[in-house]
Amino acid sequence: MNKRLFYRIYNYTVNNKTAAKAAVLLSRFSKFIYVVIYGLGFIILLFGSDILLIPRYILVPFAVLVVNTSLRKILNKPRPFESEDIEALVPHEENGSLPSNHAASSLIISLSWLLVCPPVAAAFVLLSFCTGFSRIMTGIHYPLDVVCGWMIALIGGVFGFLL
């Protein structure tokens, strides 16, 4: 199921130039986008009235990324371009694929905005789903990699920001 879904998404992207361009663009610039989003949230909290939220704003994403990266090193699953006969649409190192760091980090950074401005968090969560999907479209991750990254971030976000 995971590979079948991957091939459907990837083949659609390869055969659709507009989809490929959008996926490559988002996949390439997502790190920068989320650094800016995270930094803006930090600045708003720092200069706003909610300075006491800063430790949670920093520690929850950090914990999620530590868990995600640790699982990825333990599982060490190959990426689609390593194990399938495909070419990734964006250059990437051959390192662990499951769970996706992009999916986990984009979602936990988006969820961190629940502390800053919940309506904006909702928009960023939507962008996070597009980011994760772009990683599948470009041949960097299988769907399960992305879903697992999102689940780790969601669990971390619920425990860290909502409880």
N, C-alpha and C. Protein backbone atom coordinates (compact mmCIF):
# COMPACT_ATOMS: atom_id res chain seq x y z
N MET A 1 0.82 -1.20 0.00
CA MET A 1 0.00 0.00 0.00
C MET A 1 0.86 1.27 0.00
N ASN A 2 1.89 1.29 0.85
CA ASN A 2 2.78 2.43 0.96
C ASN A 2 3.48 2.71 -0.38
N LYS A 3 4.01 1.67 -1.00
CA LYS A 3 4.70 1.84 -2.28
C LYS A 3 3.73 2.17 -3.40
N ARG A 4 2.56 1.54 -3.40
CA ARG A 4 1.57 1.84 -4.44
C ARG A 4 1.14 3.30 -4.38
N LEU A 5 0.87 3.78 -3.19
CA LEU A 5 0.48 5.18 -3.03
C LEU A 5 1.63 6.10 -3.41
N PHE A 6 2.84 5.73 -3.00
CA PHE A 6 4.00 6.52 -3.38
C PHE A 6 4.09 6.66 -4.90
N TYR A 7 4.01 5.55 -5.61
CA TYR A 7 4.12 5.58 -7.06
C TYR A 7 3.01 6.40 -7.72
N ARG A 8 1.82 6.32 -7.19
CA ARG A 8 0.72 7.13 -7.75
C ARG A 8 1.03 8.62 -7.64
N ILE A 9 1.49 9.02 -6.45
CA ILE A 9 1.80 10.43 -6.22
C ILE A 9 3.02 10.86 -7.02
N TYR A 10 4.08 10.06 -6.96
CA TYR A 10 5.32 10.40 -7.65
C TYR A 10 5.12 10.43 -9.17
N ASN A 11 4.46 9.43 -9.73
CA ASN A 11 4.23 9.39 -11.18
C ASN A 11 3.35 10.55 -11.64
N TYR A 12 2.37 10.90 -10.83
CA TYR A 12 1.56 12.07 -11.18
C TYR A 12 2.45 13.31 -11.26
N THR A 13 3.33 13.46 -10.29
CA THR A 13 4.21 14.63 -10.25
C THR A 13 5.15 14.66 -11.44
N VAL A 14 5.76 13.53 -11.75
CA VAL A 14 6.70 13.46 -12.86
C VAL A 14 6.01 13.79 -14.19
N ASN A 15 4.76 13.43 -14.31
CA ASN A 15 4.01 13.66 -15.56
C ASN A 15 3.25 14.98 -15.59
N ASN A 16 3.37 15.79 -14.57
CA ASN A 16 2.68 17.07 -14.51
C ASN A 16 3.69 18.15 -14.15
N LYS A 17 4.09 18.95 -15.13
CA LYS A 17 5.16 19.93 -14.91
C LYS A 17 4.81 20.96 -13.86
N THR A 18 3.57 21.39 -13.81
CA THR A 18 3.16 22.38 -12.82
C THR A 18 3.26 21.81 -11.41
N ALA A 19 2.76 20.60 -11.23
CA ALA A 19 2.85 19.94 -9.92
C ALA A 19 4.31 19.72 -9.53
N ALA A 20 5.12 19.31 -10.49
CA ALA A 20 6.54 19.07 -10.21
C ALA A 20 7.24 20.36 -9.78
N LYS A 21 6.98 21.45 -10.49
CA LYS A 21 7.61 22.73 -10.13
C LYS A 21 7.19 23.17 -8.73
N ALA A 22 5.91 23.06 -8.43
CA ALA A 22 5.41 23.47 -7.10
C ALA A 22 6.02 22.60 -6.01
N ALA A 23 6.07 21.29 -6.23
CA ALA A 23 6.62 20.37 -5.23
C ALA A 23 8.10 20.61 -5.01
N VAL A 24 8.84 20.81 -6.08
CA VAL A 24 10.27 21.07 -5.97
C VAL A 24 10.51 22.39 -5.23
N LEU A 25 9.77 23.41 -5.58
CA LEU A 25 9.92 24.71 -4.94
C LEU A 25 9.66 24.62 -3.43
N LEU A 26 8.55 24.01 -3.06
CA LEU A 26 8.22 23.90 -1.64
C LEU A 26 9.22 22.99 -0.92
N SER A 27 9.60 21.91 -1.54
CA SER A 27 10.55 20.99 -0.92
C SER A 27 11.91 21.65 -0.69
N ARG A 28 12.35 22.42 -1.65
CA ARG A 28 13.67 23.07 -1.54
C ARG A 28 13.69 24.19 -0.52
N PHE A 29 12.60 24.97 -0.43
CA PHE A 29 12.61 26.16 0.41
C PHE A 29 11.91 25.97 1.75
N SER A 30 11.43 24.77 2.03
CA SER A 30 10.67 24.57 3.27
C SER A 30 11.51 24.80 4.52
N LYS A 31 12.76 24.42 4.52
CA LYS A 31 13.60 24.66 5.70
C LYS A 31 13.67 26.15 6.00
N PHE A 32 13.94 26.94 4.98
CA PHE A 32 14.02 28.39 5.16
C PHE A 32 12.68 28.96 5.63
N ILE A 33 11.60 28.51 5.01
CA ILE A 33 10.26 28.99 5.37
C ILE A 33 9.98 28.74 6.84
N TYR A 34 10.28 27.53 7.31
CA TYR A 34 9.96 27.20 8.70
C TYR A 34 10.92 27.83 9.70
N VAL A 35 12.14 28.11 9.32
CA VAL A 35 13.05 28.87 10.19
C VAL A 35 12.48 30.27 10.38
N VAL A 36 11.99 30.87 9.31
CA VAL A 36 11.40 32.22 9.40
C VAL A 36 10.13 32.18 10.25
N ILE A 37 9.26 31.21 10.00
CA ILE A 37 8.02 31.10 10.77
C ILE A 37 8.33 30.93 12.26
N TYR A 38 9.26 30.05 12.57
CA TYR A 38 9.62 29.80 13.97
C TYR A 38 10.24 31.05 14.59
N GLY A 39 11.13 31.68 13.87
CA GLY A 39 11.77 32.90 14.38
C GLY A 39 10.78 34.01 14.64
N LEU A 40 9.82 34.19 13.73
CA LEU A 40 8.80 35.22 13.93
C LEU A 40 7.97 34.95 15.19
N GLY A 41 7.61 33.71 15.39
CA GLY A 41 6.86 33.35 16.60
C GLY A 41 7.65 33.65 17.86
N PHE A 42 8.94 33.34 17.83
CA PHE A 42 9.80 33.62 18.98
C PHE A 42 9.86 35.11 19.26
N ILE A 43 10.04 35.90 18.22
CA ILE A 43 10.12 37.36 18.38
C ILE A 43 8.81 37.92 18.93
N ILE A 44 7.69 37.44 18.42
CA ILE A 44 6.38 37.91 18.90
C ILE A 44 6.22 37.57 20.39
N LEU A 45 6.59 36.36 20.79
CA LEU A 45 6.50 36.00 22.20
C LEU A 45 7.47 36.81 23.06
N LEU A 46 8.67 37.02 22.54
CA LEU A 46 9.70 37.74 23.29
C LEU A 46 9.28 39.18 23.58
N PHE A 47 8.68 39.84 22.59
CA PHE A 47 8.31 41.24 22.76
C PHE A 47 6.84 41.44 23.12
N GLY A 48 6.12 40.33 23.24
CA GLY A 48 4.71 40.41 23.63
C GLY A 48 4.55 40.22 25.12
N SER A 49 3.34 40.01 25.52
CA SER A 49 3.05 39.86 26.95
C SER A 49 3.16 38.41 27.41
N ASP A 50 3.50 37.50 26.52
CA ASP A 50 3.53 36.08 26.84
C ASP A 50 4.94 35.51 26.92
N ILE A 51 5.85 36.23 27.51
CA ILE A 51 7.25 35.79 27.57
C ILE A 51 7.40 34.47 28.34
N LEU A 52 6.47 34.17 29.23
CA LEU A 52 6.54 32.92 30.00
C LEU A 52 6.28 31.69 29.14
N LEU A 53 5.77 31.88 27.92
CA LEU A 53 5.53 30.76 27.01
C LEU A 53 6.77 30.34 26.24
N ILE A 54 7.80 31.16 26.29
CA ILE A 54 9.01 30.91 25.50
C ILE A 54 9.65 29.55 25.81
N PRO A 55 9.80 29.17 27.09
CA PRO A 55 10.42 27.85 27.33
C PRO A 55 9.67 26.71 26.64
N ARG A 56 8.34 26.73 26.69
CA ARG A 56 7.57 25.69 26.02
C ARG A 56 7.72 25.80 24.50
N TYR A 57 7.75 27.02 24.01
CA TYR A 57 7.90 27.27 22.57
C TYR A 57 9.22 26.68 22.06
N ILE A 58 10.23 26.69 22.90
CA ILE A 58 11.54 26.15 22.52
C ILE A 58 11.65 24.65 22.80
N LEU A 59 11.23 24.22 23.97
CA LEU A 59 11.47 22.84 24.40
C LEU A 59 10.61 21.80 23.68
N VAL A 60 9.36 22.12 23.39
CA VAL A 60 8.50 21.12 22.74
C VAL A 60 9.00 20.78 21.34
N PRO A 61 9.26 21.76 20.46
CA PRO A 61 9.82 21.39 19.15
C PRO A 61 11.16 20.67 19.25
N PHE A 62 11.99 21.10 20.19
CA PHE A 62 13.28 20.44 20.38
C PHE A 62 13.09 18.97 20.74
N ALA A 63 12.19 18.70 21.68
CA ALA A 63 11.94 17.31 22.10
C ALA A 63 11.39 16.48 20.95
N VAL A 64 10.48 17.05 20.17
CA VAL A 64 9.91 16.33 19.03
C VAL A 64 11.01 15.99 18.02
N LEU A 65 11.89 16.93 17.74
CA LEU A 65 12.95 16.68 16.77
C LEU A 65 13.97 15.65 17.28
N VAL A 66 14.23 15.66 18.58
CA VAL A 66 15.13 14.65 19.15
C VAL A 66 14.52 13.26 19.01
N VAL A 67 13.24 13.13 19.36
CA VAL A 67 12.56 11.83 19.24
C VAL A 67 12.53 11.39 17.78
N ASN A 68 12.15 12.30 16.90
CA ASN A 68 12.03 11.97 15.48
C ASN A 68 13.38 11.54 14.90
N THR A 69 14.41 12.31 15.18
CA THR A 69 15.74 12.00 14.65
C THR A 69 16.28 10.70 15.23
N SER A 70 16.02 10.45 16.49
CA SER A 70 16.47 9.20 17.12
C SER A 70 15.80 8.00 16.47
N LEU A 71 14.49 8.08 16.30
CA LEU A 71 13.77 6.99 15.64
C LEU A 71 14.29 6.76 14.23
N ARG A 72 14.56 7.82 13.54
CA ARG A 72 15.06 7.73 12.16
C ARG A 72 16.40 7.01 12.09
N LYS A 73 17.28 7.33 13.04
CA LYS A 73 18.58 6.67 13.07
C LYS A 73 18.45 5.19 13.44
N ILE A 74 17.54 4.89 14.36
CA ILE A 74 17.33 3.50 14.78
C ILE A 74 16.74 2.69 13.63
N LEU A 75 15.72 3.21 12.98
CA LEU A 75 15.03 2.48 11.92
C LEU A 75 15.85 2.42 10.64
N ASN A 76 16.51 3.51 10.29
CA ASN A 76 17.39 3.61 9.13
C ASN A 76 16.79 3.03 7.85
N LYS A 77 15.55 3.39 7.56
CA LYS A 77 14.86 2.92 6.35
C LYS A 77 15.37 3.70 5.14
N PRO A 78 15.56 3.04 4.01
CA PRO A 78 16.04 3.74 2.81
C PRO A 78 14.95 4.66 2.22
N ARG A 79 15.41 5.68 1.56
CA ARG A 79 14.52 6.61 0.87
C ARG A 79 14.06 5.98 -0.45
N PRO A 80 12.96 6.46 -1.00
CA PRO A 80 12.47 5.89 -2.27
C PRO A 80 13.52 5.90 -3.39
N PHE A 81 14.27 6.99 -3.51
CA PHE A 81 15.25 7.05 -4.59
C PHE A 81 16.42 6.10 -4.37
N GLU A 82 16.54 5.57 -3.15
CA GLU A 82 17.57 4.58 -2.86
C GLU A 82 17.09 3.16 -3.14
N SER A 83 15.82 2.90 -2.85
CA SER A 83 15.33 1.52 -2.94
C SER A 83 14.45 1.26 -4.16
N GLU A 84 14.01 2.29 -4.84
CA GLU A 84 13.18 2.13 -6.03
C GLU A 84 13.99 2.59 -7.25
N ASP A 85 13.51 2.27 -8.40
CA ASP A 85 14.19 2.68 -9.64
C ASP A 85 13.62 4.03 -10.09
N ILE A 86 13.87 5.06 -9.26
CA ILE A 86 13.38 6.41 -9.57
C ILE A 86 14.49 7.42 -9.34
N GLU A 87 14.25 8.61 -9.80
CA GLU A 87 15.18 9.71 -9.58
C GLU A 87 14.47 10.76 -8.73
N ALA A 88 15.11 11.16 -7.63
CA ALA A 88 14.54 12.21 -6.80
C ALA A 88 14.53 13.52 -7.60
N LEU A 89 13.48 14.30 -7.42
CA LEU A 89 13.37 15.56 -8.15
C LEU A 89 14.17 16.68 -7.49
N VAL A 90 14.60 16.46 -6.26
CA VAL A 90 15.49 17.39 -5.57
C VAL A 90 16.67 16.60 -5.03
N PRO A 91 17.86 17.17 -5.02
CA PRO A 91 19.01 16.44 -4.49
C PRO A 91 18.85 16.20 -3.00
N HIS A 92 19.27 15.03 -2.55
CA HIS A 92 19.16 14.71 -1.13
C HIS A 92 20.18 13.65 -0.76
N GLU A 93 20.63 13.71 0.49
CA GLU A 93 21.57 12.70 0.99
C GLU A 93 20.86 11.36 1.14
N GLU A 94 21.65 10.32 1.12
CA GLU A 94 21.12 8.97 1.34
C GLU A 94 21.23 8.65 2.82
N ASN A 95 20.22 9.11 3.57
CA ASN A 95 20.17 8.79 5.00
C ASN A 95 18.75 8.36 5.34
N GLY A 96 18.49 8.01 6.58
CA GLY A 96 17.20 7.47 6.98
C GLY A 96 16.00 8.28 6.51
N SER A 97 14.94 7.56 6.19
CA SER A 97 13.75 8.18 5.62
C SER A 97 12.56 8.20 6.58
N LEU A 98 12.50 7.22 7.49
CA LEU A 98 11.33 7.06 8.36
C LEU A 98 11.71 7.32 9.80
N PRO A 99 11.03 8.25 10.44
CA PRO A 99 10.01 9.21 10.02
C PRO A 99 10.63 10.46 9.41
N SER A 100 9.83 11.18 8.66
CA SER A 100 10.30 12.37 7.96
C SER A 100 10.57 13.53 8.92
N ASN A 101 11.80 14.05 8.90
CA ASN A 101 12.12 15.22 9.71
C ASN A 101 11.38 16.46 9.21
N HIS A 102 11.25 16.60 7.89
CA HIS A 102 10.53 17.75 7.35
C HIS A 102 9.08 17.76 7.82
N ALA A 103 8.44 16.59 7.78
CA ALA A 103 7.04 16.51 8.20
C ALA A 103 6.91 16.83 9.69
N ALA A 104 7.78 16.23 10.50
CA ALA A 104 7.71 16.46 11.95
C ALA A 104 8.03 17.91 12.30
N SER A 105 9.10 18.45 11.74
CA SER A 105 9.49 19.81 12.11
C SER A 105 8.50 20.84 11.59
N SER A 106 8.01 20.66 10.37
CA SER A 106 7.05 21.65 9.85
C SER A 106 5.77 21.64 10.66
N LEU A 107 5.30 20.47 11.08
CA LEU A 107 4.06 20.43 11.86
C LEU A 107 4.27 20.93 13.28
N ILE A 108 5.35 20.57 13.94
CA ILE A 108 5.54 21.03 15.32
C ILE A 108 5.80 22.54 15.36
N ILE A 109 6.47 23.08 14.36
CA ILE A 109 6.65 24.53 14.30
C ILE A 109 5.30 25.20 14.06
N SER A 110 4.50 24.62 13.20
CA SER A 110 3.15 25.16 12.96
C SER A 110 2.32 25.10 14.23
N LEU A 111 2.38 23.98 14.94
CA LEU A 111 1.61 23.84 16.17
C LEU A 111 2.13 24.75 17.27
N SER A 112 3.41 25.10 17.23
CA SER A 112 3.95 26.01 18.24
C SER A 112 3.27 27.38 18.17
N TRP A 113 2.72 27.69 17.02
CA TRP A 113 1.99 28.95 16.86
C TRP A 113 0.66 28.95 17.61
N LEU A 114 0.25 27.82 18.15
CA LEU A 114 -0.91 27.81 19.04
C LEU A 114 -0.64 28.69 20.25
N LEU A 115 0.63 28.82 20.64
CA LEU A 115 1.01 29.69 21.75
C LEU A 115 1.07 31.15 21.34
N VAL A 116 1.24 31.40 20.05
CA VAL A 116 1.41 32.75 19.55
C VAL A 116 0.10 33.32 19.04
N CYS A 117 -0.52 32.62 18.10
CA CYS A 117 -1.76 33.07 17.47
C CYS A 117 -2.45 31.87 16.82
N PRO A 118 -3.43 31.28 17.51
CA PRO A 118 -4.07 30.06 16.99
C PRO A 118 -4.61 30.14 15.57
N PRO A 119 -5.25 31.23 15.13
CA PRO A 119 -5.71 31.24 13.74
C PRO A 119 -4.56 31.15 12.72
N VAL A 120 -3.44 31.73 13.03
CA VAL A 120 -2.28 31.64 12.15
C VAL A 120 -1.72 30.22 12.19
N ALA A 121 -1.79 29.58 13.34
CA ALA A 121 -1.33 28.19 13.46
C ALA A 121 -2.08 27.30 12.48
N ALA A 122 -3.37 27.54 12.33
CA ALA A 122 -4.18 26.73 11.41
C ALA A 122 -3.67 26.85 9.97
N ALA A 123 -3.33 28.05 9.56
CA ALA A 123 -2.79 28.26 8.20
C ALA A 123 -1.44 27.56 8.05
N PHE A 124 -0.61 27.64 9.08
CA PHE A 124 0.70 26.99 9.02
C PHE A 124 0.58 25.47 9.01
N VAL A 125 -0.42 24.93 9.70
CA VAL A 125 -0.65 23.48 9.68
C VAL A 125 -0.98 23.04 8.25
N LEU A 126 -1.80 23.81 7.57
CA LEU A 126 -2.12 23.51 6.16
C LEU A 126 -0.84 23.53 5.32
N LEU A 127 0.00 24.51 5.52
CA LEU A 127 1.28 24.57 4.81
C LEU A 127 2.16 23.37 5.16
N SER A 128 2.10 22.93 6.39
CA SER A 128 2.87 21.76 6.80
C SER A 128 2.43 20.51 6.03
N PHE A 129 1.12 20.35 5.84
CA PHE A 129 0.64 19.20 5.08
C PHE A 129 1.11 19.28 3.62
N CYS A 130 1.12 20.47 3.07
CA CYS A 130 1.64 20.65 1.71
C CYS A 130 3.12 20.32 1.66
N THR A 131 3.86 20.72 2.68
CA THR A 131 5.29 20.43 2.76
C THR A 131 5.54 18.93 2.79
N GLY A 132 4.84 18.23 3.64
CA GLY A 132 5.00 16.78 3.71
C GLY A 132 4.65 16.10 2.41
N PHE A 133 3.57 16.54 1.80
CA PHE A 133 3.14 15.97 0.53
C PHE A 133 4.19 16.22 -0.55
N SER A 134 4.82 17.40 -0.51
CA SER A 134 5.86 17.72 -1.51
C SER A 134 7.05 16.77 -1.41
N ARG A 135 7.31 16.28 -0.22
CA ARG A 135 8.42 15.35 -0.03
C ARG A 135 8.13 14.00 -0.69
N ILE A 136 6.87 13.61 -0.70
CA ILE A 136 6.47 12.39 -1.40
C ILE A 136 6.52 12.64 -2.91
N MET A 137 5.99 13.77 -3.33
CA MET A 137 5.93 14.11 -4.75
C MET A 137 7.31 14.15 -5.40
N THR A 138 8.31 14.56 -4.64
CA THR A 138 9.67 14.70 -5.20
C THR A 138 10.51 13.43 -5.06
N GLY A 139 9.94 12.36 -4.50
CA GLY A 139 10.66 11.10 -4.41
C GLY A 139 11.61 11.01 -3.23
N ILE A 140 11.46 11.88 -2.25
CA ILE A 140 12.34 11.90 -1.09
C ILE A 140 11.82 10.99 0.03
N HIS A 141 10.49 10.87 0.14
CA HIS A 141 9.87 10.08 1.21
C HIS A 141 8.72 9.24 0.68
N TYR A 142 8.49 8.14 1.38
CA TYR A 142 7.28 7.36 1.19
C TYR A 142 6.16 8.02 2.00
N PRO A 143 4.91 7.76 1.66
CA PRO A 143 3.80 8.33 2.45
C PRO A 143 3.88 7.99 3.94
N LEU A 144 4.24 6.75 4.27
CA LEU A 144 4.32 6.36 5.67
C LEU A 144 5.37 7.18 6.43
N ASP A 145 6.46 7.53 5.78
CA ASP A 145 7.50 8.36 6.41
C ASP A 145 6.91 9.68 6.87
N VAL A 146 6.14 10.29 5.98
CA VAL A 146 5.56 11.60 6.24
C VAL A 146 4.48 11.50 7.32
N VAL A 147 3.62 10.52 7.21
CA VAL A 147 2.55 10.35 8.21
C VAL A 147 3.14 10.10 9.59
N CYS A 148 4.18 9.29 9.67
CA CYS A 148 4.82 9.03 10.97
C CYS A 148 5.44 10.31 11.55
N GLY A 149 6.07 11.11 10.71
CA GLY A 149 6.61 12.39 11.16
C GLY A 149 5.51 13.30 11.70
N TRP A 150 4.40 13.36 10.97
CA TRP A 150 3.26 14.17 11.43
C TRP A 150 2.72 13.65 12.75
N MET A 151 2.62 12.33 12.90
CA MET A 151 2.07 11.76 14.13
C MET A 151 2.96 12.07 15.34
N ILE A 152 4.25 11.98 15.16
CA ILE A 152 5.17 12.31 16.25
C ILE A 152 5.01 13.77 16.65
N ALA A 153 4.91 14.65 15.66
CA ALA A 153 4.73 16.07 15.95
C ALA A 153 3.36 16.33 16.59
N LEU A 154 2.34 15.66 16.11
CA LEU A 154 0.99 15.85 16.66
C LEU A 154 0.94 15.40 18.13
N ILE A 155 1.50 14.25 18.41
CA ILE A 155 1.52 13.77 19.80
C ILE A 155 2.33 14.74 20.67
N GLY A 156 3.50 15.15 20.20
CA GLY A 156 4.30 16.12 20.95
C GLY A 156 3.59 17.45 21.14
N GLY A 157 2.88 17.89 20.10
CA GLY A 157 2.15 19.15 20.18
C GLY A 157 0.99 19.09 21.15
N VAL A 158 0.26 17.99 21.14
CA VAL A 158 -0.87 17.84 22.07
C VAL A 158 -0.36 17.85 23.51
N PHE A 159 0.67 17.05 23.79
CA PHE A 159 1.19 17.00 25.15
C PHE A 159 1.92 18.28 25.54
N GLY A 160 2.60 18.89 24.61
CA GLY A 160 3.41 20.07 24.94
C GLY A 160 2.67 21.39 24.90
N PHE A 161 1.68 21.51 24.04
CA PHE A 161 1.01 22.80 23.89
C PHE A 161 -0.42 22.83 24.39
N LEU A 162 -1.10 21.68 24.39
CA LEU A 162 -2.51 21.69 24.73
C LEU A 162 -2.82 21.14 26.12
N LEU A 163 -1.95 20.29 26.68
CA LEU A 163 -2.23 19.73 28.01
C LEU A 163 -1.48 20.46 29.10
